[in-house]
C-alpha atoms as a PDB file:
ATOM      1  CA  MET A   1      -9.582  -4.597  24.169  1.00  0.00           C
ATOM      2  CA  ALA A   2     -10.249  -6.638  27.220  1.00  0.00           C
ATOM      3  CA  ALA A   3     -13.780  -6.945  26.319  1.00  0.00           C
ATOM      4  CA  ALA A   4     -12.762  -9.456  23.669  1.00  0.00           C
ATOM      5  CA  ILE A   5     -11.228 -11.619  26.648  1.00  0.00           C
ATOM      6  CA  ALA A   6     -13.119 -15.150  26.985  1.00  0.00           C
ATOM      7  CA  PHE A   7     -13.412 -15.938  30.593  1.00  0.00           C
ATOM      8  CA  ASP A   8     -14.437 -19.302  32.348  1.00  0.00           C
ATOM      9  CA  LYS A   9     -15.702 -17.481  35.821  1.00  0.00           C
ATOM     10  CA  GLU A  10     -17.044 -14.191  36.887  1.00  0.00           C
ATOM     11  CA  LEU A  11     -16.550 -13.165  40.394  1.00  0.00           C
ATOM     12  CA  ASP A  12     -18.449 -10.030  41.690  1.00  0.00           C
ATOM     13  CA  THR A  13     -16.498  -8.175  44.279  1.00  0.00           C
ATOM     14  CA  LYS A  14     -18.404  -5.181  44.215  1.00  0.00           C
ATOM     15  CA  GLY A  15     -18.727  -3.081  47.702  1.00  0.00           C
ATOM     16  CA  LEU A  16     -15.613  -4.984  49.082  1.00  0.00           C
ATOM     17  CA  ASN A  17     -12.579  -3.354  49.999  1.00  0.00           C
ATOM     18  CA  CYS A  18      -9.126  -4.693  50.437  1.00  0.00           C
ATOM     19  CA  PRO A  19      -8.159  -7.359  51.361  1.00  0.00           C
ATOM     20  CA  LEU A  20     -11.697  -8.994  50.337  1.00  0.00           C
ATOM     21  CA  PRO A  21     -11.537  -8.966  46.517  1.00  0.00           C
ATOM     22  CA  ILE A  22      -7.869 -10.446  46.476  1.00  0.00           C
ATOM     23  CA  LEU A  23      -9.043 -13.120  49.269  1.00  0.00           C
ATOM     24  CA  ARG A  24     -12.064 -14.045  47.028  1.00  0.00           C
ATOM     25  CA  ALA A  25     -10.223 -14.151  44.000  1.00  0.00           C
ATOM     26  CA  LYS A  26      -7.387 -16.812  45.070  1.00  0.00           C
ATOM     27  CA  LYS A  27     -10.315 -18.887  46.301  1.00  0.00           C
ATOM     28  CA  ALA A  28     -12.182 -18.755  42.960  1.00  0.00           C
ATOM     29  CA  LEU A  29      -8.747 -19.343  41.145  1.00  0.00           C
ATOM     30  CA  ALA A  30      -8.240 -22.493  43.183  1.00  0.00           C
ATOM     31  CA  GLU A  31     -11.169 -23.960  41.789  1.00  0.00           C
ATOM     32  CA  LEU A  32     -10.096 -23.301  38.209  1.00  0.00           C
ATOM     33  CA  THR A  33      -7.633 -25.517  36.359  1.00  0.00           C
ATOM     34  CA  SER A  34      -4.553 -24.054  34.860  1.00  0.00           C
ATOM     35  CA  GLY A  35      -5.027 -21.873  31.795  1.00  0.00           C
ATOM     36  CA  GLN A  36      -8.633 -21.028  32.894  1.00  0.00           C
ATOM     37  CA  VAL A  37      -9.479 -17.228  32.874  1.00  0.00           C
ATOM     38  CA  LEU A  38     -11.300 -15.304  36.058  1.00  0.00           C
ATOM     39  CA  LYS A  39     -12.940 -12.085  35.513  1.00  0.00           C
ATOM     40  CA  ILE A  40     -13.212 -10.188  38.770  1.00  0.00           C
ATOM     41  CA  VAL A  41     -15.483  -7.235  38.873  1.00  0.00           C
ATOM     42  CA  ALA A  42     -14.724  -4.717  41.763  1.00  0.00           C
ATOM     43  CA  THR A  43     -15.513  -1.425  42.923  1.00  0.00           C
ATOM     44  CA  ASP A  44     -12.579  -0.493  45.158  1.00  0.00           C
ATOM     45  CA  PRO A  45     -10.039   1.638  43.222  1.00  0.00           C
ATOM     46  CA  GLY A  46      -7.155   0.204  44.977  1.00  0.00           C
ATOM     47  CA  SER A  47      -7.871  -3.240  43.395  1.00  0.00           C
ATOM     48  CA  VAL A  48      -5.953  -2.189  40.287  1.00  0.00           C
ATOM     49  CA  ARG A  49      -2.816  -1.944  42.009  1.00  0.00           C
ATOM     50  CA  ASP A  50      -3.639  -4.793  44.510  1.00  0.00           C
ATOM     51  CA  PHE A  51      -4.304  -7.324  41.754  1.00  0.00           C
ATOM     52  CA  ARG A  52      -1.196  -6.063  39.809  1.00  0.00           C
ATOM     53  CA  ALA A  53       0.656  -7.093  43.091  1.00  0.00           C
ATOM     54  CA  PHE A  54      -1.220 -10.243  43.484  1.00  0.00           C
ATOM     55  CA  ALA A  55      -0.500 -11.387  40.083  1.00  0.00           C
ATOM     56  CA  ARG A  56       3.443 -10.797  40.402  1.00  0.00           C
ATOM     57  CA  GLN A  57       3.427 -12.549  43.672  1.00  0.00           C
ATOM     58  CA  SER A  58       1.043 -15.579  42.847  1.00  0.00           C
ATOM     59  CA  GLY A  59       2.562 -16.430  39.353  1.00  0.00           C
ATOM     60  CA  ASN A  60      -1.163 -16.009  37.802  1.00  0.00           C
ATOM     61  CA  GLU A  61      -0.968 -13.749  34.722  1.00  0.00           C
ATOM     62  CA  LEU A  62      -2.886 -10.508  34.729  1.00  0.00           C
ATOM     63  CA  LEU A  63      -4.381 -10.520  31.159  1.00  0.00           C
ATOM     64  CA  ALA A  64      -5.867  -6.887  31.501  1.00  0.00           C
ATOM     65  CA  GLN A  65      -7.575  -4.504  33.621  1.00  0.00           C
ATOM     66  CA  GLU A  66     -10.213  -1.830  32.511  1.00  0.00           C
ATOM     67  CA  THR A  67     -12.394   0.675  34.122  1.00  0.00           C
ATOM     68  CA  GLU A  68     -16.051   0.759  33.256  1.00  0.00           C
ATOM     69  CA  GLY A  69     -17.293   3.847  35.015  1.00  0.00           C
ATOM     70  CA  GLU A  70     -17.179   2.786  38.433  1.00  0.00           C
ATOM     71  CA  LEU A  71     -16.385  -0.614  38.209  1.00  0.00           C
ATOM     72  CA  PHE A  72     -12.858  -2.182  37.859  1.00  0.00           C
ATOM     73  CA  VAL A  73     -12.581  -5.157  35.928  1.00  0.00           C
ATOM     74  CA  HIS A  74      -9.620  -7.676  36.160  1.00  0.00           C
ATOM     75  CA  TYR A  75      -8.806 -10.533  33.901  1.00  0.00           C
ATOM     76  CA  LEU A  76      -6.416 -13.102  35.880  1.00  0.00           C
ATOM     77  CA  LYS A  77      -5.316 -16.420  34.020  1.00  0.00           C
ATOM     78  CA  ARG A  78      -4.731 -19.234  36.370  1.00  0.00           C
ATOM     79  CA  ARG A  79      -1.014 -20.480  36.185  1.00  0.00           C
END
């Protein structure tokens, strides 16, 4: 399903552990305009839970999350 999501920017956070993927995503989202989509690729299993909480707290929309082998892919839409 999520593979069909169009995104405006991709962020590679592979090899980084909490809180670095969130901090990098926050910075990347700040560079986008409202409605644009950020795709984040992570290897930290905790990122699934972390990005759910981040979306709730920041007001950005978590469009989808998927697991591709060892990778965790998140799609955030900027508020």
